[in-house]
C-alpha atoms as a PDB file:
ATOM      1  CA  MET A   1     108.756  83.662  79.068  1.00  0.00           C
ATOM      2  CA  GLY A   2     106.332  82.179  81.585  1.00  0.00           C
ATOM      3  CA  LEU A   3     108.057  83.480  84.700  1.00  0.00           C
ATOM      4  CA  LEU A   4     108.936  86.796  83.053  1.00  0.00           C
ATOM      5  CA  GLY A   5     105.327  87.231  81.986  1.00  0.00           C
ATOM      6  CA  VAL A   6     104.114  86.659  85.547  1.00  0.00           C
ATOM      7  CA  VAL A   7     106.619  89.193  86.895  1.00  0.00           C
ATOM      8  CA  VAL A   8     105.642  91.801  84.298  1.00  0.00           C
ATOM      9  CA  ILE A   9     101.913  91.286  84.878  1.00  0.00           C
ATOM     10  CA  THR A  10     102.387  91.518  88.655  1.00  0.00           C
ATOM     11  CA  ALA A  11     104.448  94.702  88.355  1.00  0.00           C
ATOM     12  CA  VAL A  12     101.920  96.326  86.005  1.00  0.00           C
ATOM     13  CA  SER A  13      99.080  95.288  88.307  1.00  0.00           C
ATOM     14  CA  LEU A  14     100.734  96.796  91.391  1.00  0.00           C
ATOM     15  CA  LEU A  15     101.672  99.995  89.551  1.00  0.00           C
ATOM     16  CA  GLY A  16      98.163 100.281  88.119  1.00  0.00           C
ATOM     17  CA  ASN A  17      96.585  99.891  91.562  1.00  0.00           C
ATOM     18  CA  GLN A  18      98.903 102.499  93.077  1.00  0.00           C
ATOM     19  CA  LEU A  19      98.257 104.909  90.206  1.00  0.00           C
ATOM     20  CA  TRP A  20      94.481 104.459  90.523  1.00  0.00           C
ATOM     21  CA  ALA A  21      94.614 105.035  94.295  1.00  0.00           C
ATOM     22  CA  LEU A  22      96.750 108.135  93.748  1.00  0.00           C
ATOM     23  CA  LEU A  23      94.317 109.482  91.148  1.00  0.00           C
ATOM     24  CA  GLN A  24      91.383 108.918  93.512  1.00  0.00           C
ATOM     25  CA  THR A  25      93.228 110.678  96.345  1.00  0.00           C
ATOM     26  CA  VAL A  26      94.093 113.645  94.126  1.00  0.00           C
ATOM     27  CA  GLY A  27      90.526 113.796  92.821  1.00  0.00           C
ATOM     28  CA  ASN A  28      89.105 113.749  96.345  1.00  0.00           C
ATOM     29  CA  THR A  29      91.535 116.463  97.440  1.00  0.00           C
ATOM     30  CA  ILE A  30      90.583 118.680  94.499  1.00  0.00           C
ATOM     31  CA  SER A  31      86.878 118.077  95.146  1.00  0.00           C
ATOM     32  CA  THR A  32      87.254 119.014  98.812  1.00  0.00           C
ATOM     33  CA  ALA A  33      89.404 122.050  98.019  1.00  0.00           C
ATOM     34  CA  SER A  34      86.924 123.374  95.449  1.00  0.00           C
ATOM     35  CA  GLY A  35      83.853 122.974  97.669  1.00  0.00           C
ATOM     36  CA  GLY A  36      83.008 119.315  97.063  1.00  0.00           C
ATOM     37  CA  ALA A  37      79.319 120.099  96.483  1.00  0.00           C
ATOM     38  CA  GLY A  38      79.489 119.508  92.717  1.00  0.00           C
ATOM     39  CA  GLY A  39      79.946 115.768  93.016  1.00  0.00           C
END
């Protein structure tokens, strides 16, 4: 359980970070494409 828990937590952490970065990139792209002045 201990090792499995560490692996699961690490995987979720990495996936969460990638997903957050992807969301930020998409959000920035949409902001730029739509004028970006709205903030």
